[in-house]
């Protein structure tokens, strides 16, 4: 069984469509979403519609929670807050109800899925450095062998044992018995690792093997839509350089 994993689509329909097509070609039999379908981009409804009909389940992201009225976002940057306000106005009733019902974590086929750190999922804490992963050591026994996360928009992986945490290369990863893993799959719609290609993941449950998947897509079209919607041009420009 191969699971295609997407996260942080952020209203980028071009990137989402390209990722789903690539994952299908790579043999994905199921799809899961780690949250943040909305925010930043110009097509929140179209992305939500596509994700809802494609994935087995979706995790709640912080931008999803903000739009759905499940968290305070008044402290967000002005431009990010303006996009969330805009998305809140244009989301369909069906998509808004969907966001309001999403769960913070889910376990599927023995694998954990969360938007940010599984230590306190509703707090949406980041894990993109070893010291962040070390915060999980006190709850090591409660963690599943493998947990996939998003949120940071970075492609990272960490190996946890009772002795400590190791930083791994997240491109290809074999899951070994007796260890636990936290894998950040990056962002479909707004990568921030200076690689403008969309990022997603493919996990072979039977083989215990994870592969990072990078996907080129029509950035010009996605950026043009952001500008046409009157959203901050920053969110269009950053797509071209992956920050």
Protein backbone atom coordinates (compact mmCIF):
# COMPACT_ATOMS: atom_id res chain seq x y z
CA UNK A 1 0.00 0.00 0.00
CA UNK A 2 1.44 3.37 -1.08
CA UNK A 3 0.13 6.55 0.53
CA UNK A 4 0.51 9.93 -1.15
CA UNK A 5 0.96 12.67 1.44
CA UNK A 6 0.23 16.33 0.80
CA UNK A 7 0.41 19.31 3.14
CA UNK A 8 0.22 23.10 3.11
CA UNK A 9 -1.49 23.50 -0.25
CA UNK A 10 -2.46 27.07 0.67
CA UNK A 11 -4.89 27.69 -2.16
CA UNK A 12 -2.41 26.79 -4.89
CA UNK A 13 -4.50 24.75 -7.30
CA UNK A 14 -1.78 24.43 -9.94
CA UNK A 15 0.66 22.90 -7.45
CA UNK A 16 -1.99 20.62 -5.93
CA UNK A 17 -3.12 19.27 -9.30
CA UNK A 18 0.47 18.60 -10.34
CA UNK A 19 1.29 16.81 -7.07
CA UNK A 20 -1.75 14.56 -7.16
CA UNK A 21 -1.03 13.59 -10.77
CA UNK A 22 2.62 12.82 -9.97
CA UNK A 23 1.75 10.78 -6.87
CA UNK A 24 -0.82 8.79 -8.83
CA UNK A 25 1.76 8.05 -11.52
CA UNK A 26 4.18 6.94 -8.77
CA UNK A 27 1.68 4.37 -7.57
CA UNK A 28 -0.19 6.08 -4.74
CA UNK A 29 -3.28 4.09 -3.78
CA UNK A 30 -4.47 6.39 -0.98
CA UNK A 31 -3.95 10.07 -0.25
CA UNK A 32 -3.88 12.00 3.02
CA UNK A 33 -3.67 15.74 3.69
CA UNK A 34 -1.83 17.24 6.65
CA UNK A 35 -3.69 20.54 6.62
CA UNK A 36 -3.51 24.19 5.60
CA UNK A 37 -5.59 23.87 2.48
CA UNK A 38 -6.35 27.59 2.76
CA UNK A 39 -4.26 30.75 3.22
CA UNK A 40 -1.89 32.67 0.90
CA UNK A 41 -3.22 31.45 -2.47
CA UNK A 42 -6.10 32.34 -4.77
CA UNK A 43 -8.06 29.07 -5.01
CA UNK A 44 -9.12 27.91 -1.53
CA UNK A 45 -12.48 26.54 -2.67
CA UNK A 46 -11.10 24.67 -5.66
CA UNK A 47 -8.33 23.15 -3.53
CA UNK A 48 -10.74 22.19 -0.77
CA UNK A 49 -13.13 20.60 -3.26
CA UNK A 50 -10.34 18.55 -4.84
CA UNK A 51 -8.84 17.46 -1.53
CA UNK A 52 -12.21 16.51 -0.07
CA UNK A 53 -12.97 14.15 -2.94
CA UNK A 54 -9.45 12.69 -3.15
CA UNK A 55 -8.04 12.02 0.31
CA UNK A 56 -8.88 9.42 2.94
CA UNK A 57 -8.69 12.09 5.65
CA UNK A 58 -7.41 15.61 6.29
CA UNK A 59 -5.73 17.04 9.39
CA UNK A 60 -6.53 20.53 10.67
CA UNK A 61 -3.85 23.13 9.95
CA UNK A 62 -3.42 26.47 11.66
CA UNK A 63 -4.66 28.45 8.65
CA UNK A 64 -7.64 26.12 8.40
CA UNK A 65 -8.35 26.68 12.09
CA UNK A 66 -8.07 30.44 11.66
CA UNK A 67 -10.52 30.59 8.76
CA UNK A 68 -12.93 28.21 10.50
CA UNK A 69 -13.04 30.31 13.67
CA UNK A 70 -11.22 27.70 15.75
CA UNK A 71 -8.28 29.91 16.74
CA UNK A 72 -7.34 33.56 17.11
CA UNK A 73 -5.20 34.94 14.28
CA UNK A 74 -5.17 38.63 15.11
CA UNK A 75 -1.44 38.37 15.82
CA UNK A 76 -0.64 37.17 12.27
CA UNK A 77 1.16 39.45 9.85
CA UNK A 78 -1.17 41.95 8.20
CA UNK A 79 -0.86 40.45 4.71
CA UNK A 80 -1.40 36.88 5.93
CA UNK A 81 -4.37 37.98 8.03
CA UNK A 82 -5.91 39.78 5.04
CA UNK A 83 -5.78 36.59 2.97
CA UNK A 84 -7.44 34.62 5.75
CA UNK A 85 -10.18 37.24 6.00
CA UNK A 86 -10.66 37.00 2.23
CA UNK A 87 -10.81 33.21 2.30
CA UNK A 88 -13.30 33.31 5.14
CA UNK A 89 -15.60 35.41 2.94
CA UNK A 90 -15.37 33.30 -0.21
CA UNK A 91 -15.33 29.75 1.16
CA UNK A 92 -18.45 27.75 0.39
CA UNK A 93 -20.67 26.61 3.24
CA UNK A 94 -19.65 23.01 2.54
CA UNK A 95 -15.94 23.76 2.70
CA UNK A 96 -16.29 25.87 5.82
CA UNK A 97 -18.21 23.08 7.55
CA UNK A 98 -15.50 20.64 6.48
CA UNK A 99 -12.75 22.78 8.05
CA UNK A 100 -14.74 23.12 11.25
CA UNK A 101 -14.93 19.35 11.59
CA UNK A 102 -11.29 18.43 10.93
CA UNK A 103 -9.28 16.62 13.61
CA UNK A 104 -5.88 17.61 15.00
CA UNK A 105 -4.30 14.17 14.65
CA UNK A 106 -5.06 10.84 13.07
CA UNK A 107 -3.51 7.37 13.07
CA UNK A 108 -3.84 5.33 9.89
CA UNK A 109 -2.20 2.01 9.00
CA UNK A 110 -0.02 2.31 12.10
CA UNK A 111 1.29 5.75 11.07
CA UNK A 112 0.68 9.05 12.88
CA UNK A 113 -0.38 12.20 11.03
CA UNK A 114 -0.36 15.72 12.47
CA UNK A 115 0.00 19.25 11.13
CA UNK A 116 2.71 20.41 13.54
CA UNK A 117 4.30 18.83 16.58
CA UNK A 118 2.31 15.89 17.97
CA UNK A 119 3.32 16.91 21.50
CA UNK A 120 0.40 19.35 21.71
CA UNK A 121 -1.31 19.34 18.30
CA UNK A 122 -3.67 22.24 18.96
CA UNK A 123 -0.72 24.53 19.69
CA UNK A 124 0.67 24.12 16.15
CA UNK A 125 4.30 24.09 17.25
CA UNK A 126 7.01 23.66 14.62
CA UNK A 127 9.49 20.83 14.22
CA UNK A 128 12.29 21.70 11.83
CA UNK A 129 15.40 21.46 14.04
CA UNK A 130 16.83 18.74 16.26
CA UNK A 131 16.00 20.66 19.43
CA UNK A 132 12.34 20.75 18.38
CA UNK A 133 12.33 16.98 17.90
CA UNK A 134 14.05 16.53 21.27
CA UNK A 135 10.94 17.96 22.94
CA UNK A 136 9.21 14.70 21.98
CA UNK A 137 11.58 12.45 23.90
CA UNK A 138 9.58 12.63 27.18
CA UNK A 139 6.59 11.15 25.31
CA UNK A 140 8.67 8.74 23.23
CA UNK A 141 6.70 5.67 24.30
CA UNK A 142 3.42 7.27 23.20
CA UNK A 143 4.62 8.04 19.68
CA UNK A 144 3.87 5.70 16.78
CA UNK A 145 6.94 4.40 14.95
CA UNK A 146 6.43 7.01 12.22
CA UNK A 147 4.71 10.41 12.27
CA UNK A 148 4.25 12.65 9.25
CA UNK A 149 3.88 16.40 9.76
CA UNK A 150 3.73 19.62 7.74
CA UNK A 151 3.45 23.22 8.95
CA UNK A 152 7.07 24.41 8.52
CA UNK A 153 6.99 24.13 4.70
CA UNK A 154 10.42 22.48 5.02
CA UNK A 155 11.43 18.94 4.07
CA UNK A 156 13.01 17.48 7.20
CA UNK A 157 13.31 14.12 8.95
CA UNK A 158 14.40 13.11 12.43
CA UNK A 159 15.22 9.75 13.98
CA UNK A 160 14.33 9.33 17.66
CA UNK A 161 15.66 6.76 20.09
CA UNK A 162 15.76 6.79 23.88
CA UNK A 163 19.37 7.94 23.51
CA UNK A 164 18.52 11.09 21.57
CA UNK A 165 17.64 12.58 18.19
CA UNK A 166 19.37 12.36 14.83
CA UNK A 167 18.92 14.63 11.82
CA UNK A 168 18.27 12.64 8.63
CA UNK A 169 18.24 13.36 4.90
CA UNK A 170 14.52 13.37 4.05
CA UNK A 171 14.78 12.42 0.35
CA UNK A 172 14.59 8.63 0.81
CA UNK A 173 14.12 6.98 4.17
CA UNK A 174 13.91 3.36 5.29
CA UNK A 175 11.98 2.94 8.53
CA UNK A 176 13.93 0.69 10.92
CA UNK A 177 12.48 -1.27 13.84
CA UNK A 178 13.33 -0.01 17.31
CA UNK A 179 13.42 3.64 16.24
CA UNK A 180 10.83 6.34 15.77
CA UNK A 181 10.66 8.94 13.05
CA UNK A 182 9.25 12.40 12.50
CA UNK A 183 9.06 13.33 8.82
CA UNK A 184 8.11 16.79 7.58
CA UNK A 185 6.89 16.47 3.99
CA UNK A 186 7.26 20.12 2.96
CA UNK A 187 4.64 22.24 1.22
CA UNK A 188 2.62 21.67 -1.91
CA UNK A 189 1.66 25.28 -2.42
CA UNK A 190 4.41 27.39 -0.88
CA UNK A 191 7.81 25.65 -0.43
CA UNK A 192 10.31 27.50 1.76
CA UNK A 193 13.55 25.61 1.15
CA UNK A 194 14.67 27.65 -1.87
CA UNK A 195 13.33 25.01 -4.25
CA UNK A 196 10.23 26.39 -6.01
CA UNK A 197 8.97 22.96 -6.97
CA UNK A 198 5.99 21.67 -5.02
CA UNK A 199 6.81 19.13 -2.31
CA UNK A 200 4.85 16.06 -1.27
CA UNK A 201 5.61 12.54 -0.07
CA UNK A 202 5.04 8.90 -0.93
CA UNK A 203 5.09 6.23 1.77
CA UNK A 204 5.13 2.51 1.03
CA UNK A 205 3.52 0.97 4.12
CA UNK A 206 4.52 -2.59 3.31
CA UNK A 207 8.16 -1.79 2.57
CA UNK A 208 8.50 0.82 5.32
CA UNK A 209 9.99 3.22 2.78
CA UNK A 210 9.41 6.97 2.40
CA UNK A 211 10.29 9.08 -0.62
CA UNK A 212 10.20 12.86 -0.95
CA UNK A 213 8.61 13.91 -4.24
CA UNK A 214 9.34 17.29 -5.88
CA UNK A 215 7.01 18.42 -8.63
CA UNK A 216 7.35 21.30 -11.12
CA UNK A 217 4.12 23.17 -11.83
CA UNK A 218 2.80 26.32 -13.53
CA UNK A 219 4.06 28.95 -11.09
CA UNK A 220 3.23 31.78 -13.50
CA UNK A 221 -0.45 30.84 -13.46
CA UNK A 222 -0.60 30.46 -9.67
CA UNK A 223 1.14 33.80 -9.13
CA UNK A 224 -1.05 35.60 -11.65
CA UNK A 225 -4.16 34.44 -9.82
CA UNK A 226 -2.86 35.81 -6.52
CA UNK A 227 -2.28 39.22 -8.12
CA UNK A 228 -5.65 39.17 -9.89
CA UNK A 229 -7.39 38.48 -6.58
CA UNK A 230 -5.80 41.60 -5.09
CA UNK A 231 -3.81 39.66 -2.52
CA UNK A 232 -0.33 40.68 -1.39
CA UNK A 233 2.19 40.39 -4.25
CA UNK A 234 4.65 38.94 -1.74
CA UNK A 235 2.74 35.65 -1.87
CA UNK A 236 3.09 35.59 -5.65
CA UNK A 237 6.77 36.53 -5.80
CA UNK A 238 7.92 34.00 -3.22
CA UNK A 239 6.58 31.12 -5.31
CA UNK A 240 9.29 31.71 -7.91
CA UNK A 241 12.16 31.30 -5.44
CA UNK A 242 10.70 28.88 -2.91
CA UNK A 243 10.79 30.98 0.25
